[in-house]
Amino acid sequence: MKIYKDEKGLIEITGDETVVVRTEGKDVSSVDISNVRITADNLADFYNVAAQRKDEESALKCVALKQKYLETFGTNVE
């Protein structure tokens, strides 16, 4: 997973497709991450856990934190 700013200054997160695909069709908004600090380090940690475990719960937590990170610091341009 890579987190960077594009030429417009917007946050881009790429390389996490293998984790994101496990959450397709699932309700990510129901995942409670309210006790997690929104930082790039925490997002990277969540991604590493989800990539290693390959389970739905870890993937949902990772994607929920990714969405919160993008809401807080920028947005993907697709």
N, C-alpha and C. Protein backbone atom coordinates (compact mmCIF):
# COMPACT_ATOMS: atom_id res chain seq x y z
N MET A 1 0.84 -1.17 0.00
CA MET A 1 0.00 0.00 0.00
C MET A 1 0.89 1.23 0.00
N LYS A 2 0.50 2.21 -0.83
CA LYS A 2 1.23 3.48 -0.88
C LYS A 2 0.26 4.62 -0.61
N ILE A 3 0.68 5.56 0.20
CA ILE A 3 -0.09 6.77 0.47
C ILE A 3 0.76 7.94 0.01
N TYR A 4 0.19 8.76 -0.87
CA TYR A 4 0.94 9.92 -1.37
C TYR A 4 -0.03 11.00 -1.82
N LYS A 5 0.51 12.19 -2.05
CA LYS A 5 -0.29 13.29 -2.60
C LYS A 5 -0.04 13.36 -4.10
N ASP A 6 -1.12 13.55 -4.87
CA ASP A 6 -0.97 13.69 -6.31
C ASP A 6 -0.59 15.13 -6.65
N GLU A 7 -0.51 15.43 -7.93
CA GLU A 7 -0.09 16.76 -8.37
C GLU A 7 -1.07 17.86 -7.96
N LYS A 8 -2.30 17.50 -7.63
CA LYS A 8 -3.30 18.48 -7.18
C LYS A 8 -3.30 18.62 -5.66
N GLY A 9 -2.45 17.86 -4.99
CA GLY A 9 -2.38 17.92 -3.54
C GLY A 9 -3.38 17.03 -2.83
N LEU A 10 -4.04 16.16 -3.57
CA LEU A 10 -5.02 15.25 -2.97
C LEU A 10 -4.36 13.93 -2.60
N ILE A 11 -4.83 13.33 -1.52
CA ILE A 11 -4.29 12.06 -1.04
C ILE A 11 -4.72 10.93 -1.97
N GLU A 12 -3.76 10.11 -2.33
CA GLU A 12 -4.00 8.90 -3.11
C GLU A 12 -3.54 7.70 -2.28
N ILE A 13 -4.32 6.65 -2.29
CA ILE A 13 -3.93 5.40 -1.64
C ILE A 13 -4.06 4.31 -2.68
N THR A 14 -2.96 3.65 -2.98
CA THR A 14 -2.95 2.61 -4.01
C THR A 14 -2.28 1.35 -3.47
N GLY A 15 -2.45 0.27 -4.21
CA GLY A 15 -1.77 -0.97 -3.86
C GLY A 15 -2.46 -1.79 -2.78
N ASP A 16 -3.68 -1.40 -2.42
CA ASP A 16 -4.40 -2.13 -1.37
C ASP A 16 -5.58 -2.92 -1.93
N GLU A 17 -5.55 -3.16 -3.23
CA GLU A 17 -6.69 -3.79 -3.90
C GLU A 17 -7.01 -5.18 -3.36
N THR A 18 -5.99 -5.96 -2.97
CA THR A 18 -6.25 -7.31 -2.48
C THR A 18 -7.05 -7.30 -1.18
N VAL A 19 -6.90 -6.25 -0.40
CA VAL A 19 -7.67 -6.12 0.85
C VAL A 19 -9.05 -5.54 0.54
N VAL A 20 -9.10 -4.51 -0.28
CA VAL A 20 -10.37 -3.84 -0.60
C VAL A 20 -11.35 -4.81 -1.26
N VAL A 21 -10.86 -5.69 -2.13
CA VAL A 21 -11.75 -6.60 -2.84
C VAL A 21 -12.51 -7.52 -1.88
N ARG A 22 -11.94 -7.80 -0.72
CA ARG A 22 -12.62 -8.66 0.26
C ARG A 22 -13.79 -7.98 0.95
N THR A 23 -13.95 -6.68 0.73
CA THR A 23 -15.05 -5.95 1.38
C THR A 23 -16.17 -5.59 0.41
N GLU A 24 -16.01 -5.97 -0.85
CA GLU A 24 -17.03 -5.62 -1.84
C GLU A 24 -18.36 -6.26 -1.46
N GLY A 25 -19.41 -5.45 -1.49
CA GLY A 25 -20.74 -5.90 -1.13
C GLY A 25 -21.00 -5.93 0.37
N LYS A 26 -20.04 -5.53 1.16
CA LYS A 26 -20.18 -5.51 2.62
C LYS A 26 -20.44 -4.09 3.10
N ASP A 27 -21.07 -3.96 4.26
CA ASP A 27 -21.38 -2.65 4.84
C ASP A 27 -20.22 -2.19 5.72
N VAL A 28 -19.33 -1.42 5.12
CA VAL A 28 -18.15 -0.92 5.84
C VAL A 28 -18.55 0.09 6.90
N SER A 29 -19.65 0.81 6.68
CA SER A 29 -20.06 1.85 7.62
C SER A 29 -20.46 1.29 8.99
N SER A 30 -20.73 0.00 9.07
CA SER A 30 -21.13 -0.60 10.34
C SER A 30 -19.92 -0.98 11.21
N VAL A 31 -18.72 -0.83 10.68
CA VAL A 31 -17.50 -1.19 11.42
C VAL A 31 -17.15 -0.05 12.37
N ASP A 32 -16.99 -0.38 13.65
CA ASP A 32 -16.67 0.63 14.66
C ASP A 32 -15.16 0.76 14.81
N ILE A 33 -14.64 1.89 14.37
CA ILE A 33 -13.22 2.20 14.55
C ILE A 33 -13.07 3.50 15.34
N SER A 34 -14.07 3.82 16.14
CA SER A 34 -14.10 5.09 16.87
C SER A 34 -12.95 5.22 17.87
N ASN A 35 -12.39 4.11 18.31
CA ASN A 35 -11.29 4.17 19.28
C ASN A 35 -9.92 4.15 18.60
N VAL A 36 -9.89 4.24 17.27
CA VAL A 36 -8.63 4.20 16.52
C VAL A 36 -8.25 5.60 16.09
N ARG A 37 -7.03 5.98 16.38
CA ARG A 37 -6.51 7.28 15.95
C ARG A 37 -6.27 7.24 14.44
N ILE A 38 -6.70 8.27 13.75
CA ILE A 38 -6.61 8.30 12.29
C ILE A 38 -5.24 8.83 11.88
N THR A 39 -4.32 7.89 11.63
CA THR A 39 -2.97 8.24 11.20
C THR A 39 -2.55 7.31 10.08
N ALA A 40 -1.57 7.74 9.30
CA ALA A 40 -1.04 6.89 8.23
C ALA A 40 -0.39 5.64 8.82
N ASP A 41 0.25 5.78 9.97
CA ASP A 41 0.87 4.62 10.62
C ASP A 41 -0.16 3.57 11.00
N ASN A 42 -1.27 4.02 11.58
CA ASN A 42 -2.32 3.07 11.95
C ASN A 42 -2.94 2.43 10.71
N LEU A 43 -3.14 3.22 9.66
CA LEU A 43 -3.68 2.66 8.43
C LEU A 43 -2.74 1.61 7.86
N ALA A 44 -1.45 1.88 7.87
CA ALA A 44 -0.46 0.90 7.39
C ALA A 44 -0.49 -0.36 8.25
N ASP A 45 -0.60 -0.20 9.56
CA ASP A 45 -0.69 -1.36 10.45
C ASP A 45 -1.94 -2.19 10.16
N PHE A 46 -3.09 -1.52 10.00
CA PHE A 46 -4.33 -2.22 9.69
C PHE A 46 -4.21 -2.96 8.36
N TYR A 47 -3.58 -2.30 7.38
CA TYR A 47 -3.39 -2.94 6.07
C TYR A 47 -2.52 -4.19 6.21
N ASN A 48 -1.42 -4.08 6.93
CA ASN A 48 -0.51 -5.23 7.09
C ASN A 48 -1.21 -6.40 7.77
N VAL A 49 -2.01 -6.12 8.78
CA VAL A 49 -2.77 -7.18 9.45
C VAL A 49 -3.77 -7.82 8.49
N ALA A 50 -4.51 -6.99 7.76
CA ALA A 50 -5.52 -7.50 6.83
C ALA A 50 -4.88 -8.31 5.70
N ALA A 51 -3.74 -7.85 5.21
CA ALA A 51 -3.05 -8.57 4.14
C ALA A 51 -2.53 -9.92 4.63
N GLN A 52 -2.08 -9.97 5.87
CA GLN A 52 -1.54 -11.20 6.43
C GLN A 52 -2.65 -12.19 6.80
N ARG A 53 -3.68 -11.71 7.45
CA ARG A 53 -4.75 -12.60 7.93
C ARG A 53 -5.69 -13.07 6.82
N LYS A 54 -5.89 -12.22 5.83
CA LYS A 54 -6.77 -12.53 4.70
C LYS A 54 -8.20 -12.87 5.14
N ASP A 55 -8.67 -12.23 6.22
CA ASP A 55 -10.04 -12.45 6.67
C ASP A 55 -10.88 -11.19 6.45
N GLU A 56 -12.17 -11.39 6.43
CA GLU A 56 -13.10 -10.29 6.14
C GLU A 56 -13.09 -9.22 7.23
N GLU A 57 -13.04 -9.62 8.48
CA GLU A 57 -13.08 -8.65 9.58
C GLU A 57 -11.91 -7.68 9.52
N SER A 58 -10.72 -8.18 9.32
CA SER A 58 -9.54 -7.32 9.23
C SER A 58 -9.62 -6.41 8.01
N ALA A 59 -10.10 -6.94 6.91
CA ALA A 59 -10.25 -6.14 5.69
C ALA A 59 -11.26 -5.02 5.90
N LEU A 60 -12.36 -5.32 6.56
CA LEU A 60 -13.38 -4.29 6.82
C LEU A 60 -12.83 -3.18 7.71
N LYS A 61 -12.07 -3.54 8.73
CA LYS A 61 -11.46 -2.52 9.60
C LYS A 61 -10.49 -1.65 8.82
N CYS A 62 -9.70 -2.27 7.96
CA CYS A 62 -8.72 -1.53 7.16
C CYS A 62 -9.43 -0.56 6.21
N VAL A 63 -10.45 -1.03 5.52
CA VAL A 63 -11.17 -0.18 4.57
C VAL A 63 -11.93 0.93 5.30
N ALA A 64 -12.48 0.63 6.46
CA ALA A 64 -13.17 1.66 7.25
C ALA A 64 -12.19 2.76 7.66
N LEU A 65 -11.00 2.37 8.09
CA LEU A 65 -9.99 3.36 8.47
C LEU A 65 -9.50 4.13 7.25
N LYS A 66 -9.37 3.45 6.12
CA LYS A 66 -8.97 4.13 4.88
C LYS A 66 -9.99 5.20 4.51
N GLN A 67 -11.27 4.86 4.58
CA GLN A 67 -12.32 5.84 4.26
C GLN A 67 -12.26 7.02 5.22
N LYS A 68 -12.09 6.76 6.50
CA LYS A 68 -12.01 7.83 7.49
C LYS A 68 -10.77 8.69 7.26
N TYR A 69 -9.66 8.06 6.91
CA TYR A 69 -8.42 8.79 6.62
C TYR A 69 -8.63 9.73 5.43
N LEU A 70 -9.25 9.23 4.37
CA LEU A 70 -9.49 10.06 3.19
C LEU A 70 -10.49 11.18 3.49
N GLU A 71 -11.50 10.91 4.31
CA GLU A 71 -12.44 11.96 4.70
C GLU A 71 -11.74 13.06 5.49
N THR A 72 -10.77 12.68 6.30
CA THR A 72 -10.08 13.61 7.17
C THR A 72 -8.99 14.41 6.45
N PHE A 73 -8.21 13.74 5.61
CA PHE A 73 -7.02 14.37 5.04
C PHE A 73 -7.07 14.62 3.53
N GLY A 74 -8.02 14.08 2.84
CA GLY A 74 -8.08 14.27 1.39
C GLY A 74 -9.01 13.26 0.77
N THR A 75 -8.97 13.17 -0.53
CA THR A 75 -9.86 12.25 -1.21
C THR A 75 -9.17 11.63 -2.41
N ASN A 76 -9.57 10.41 -2.74
CA ASN A 76 -9.06 9.77 -3.95
C ASN A 76 -9.67 10.42 -5.17
N VAL A 77 -8.90 10.55 -6.20
CA VAL A 77 -9.40 11.01 -7.50
C VAL A 77 -9.39 9.79 -8.39
N GLU A 78 -10.55 9.35 -8.83
CA GLU A 78 -10.61 8.14 -9.65
C GLU A 78 -11.09 8.45 -11.03
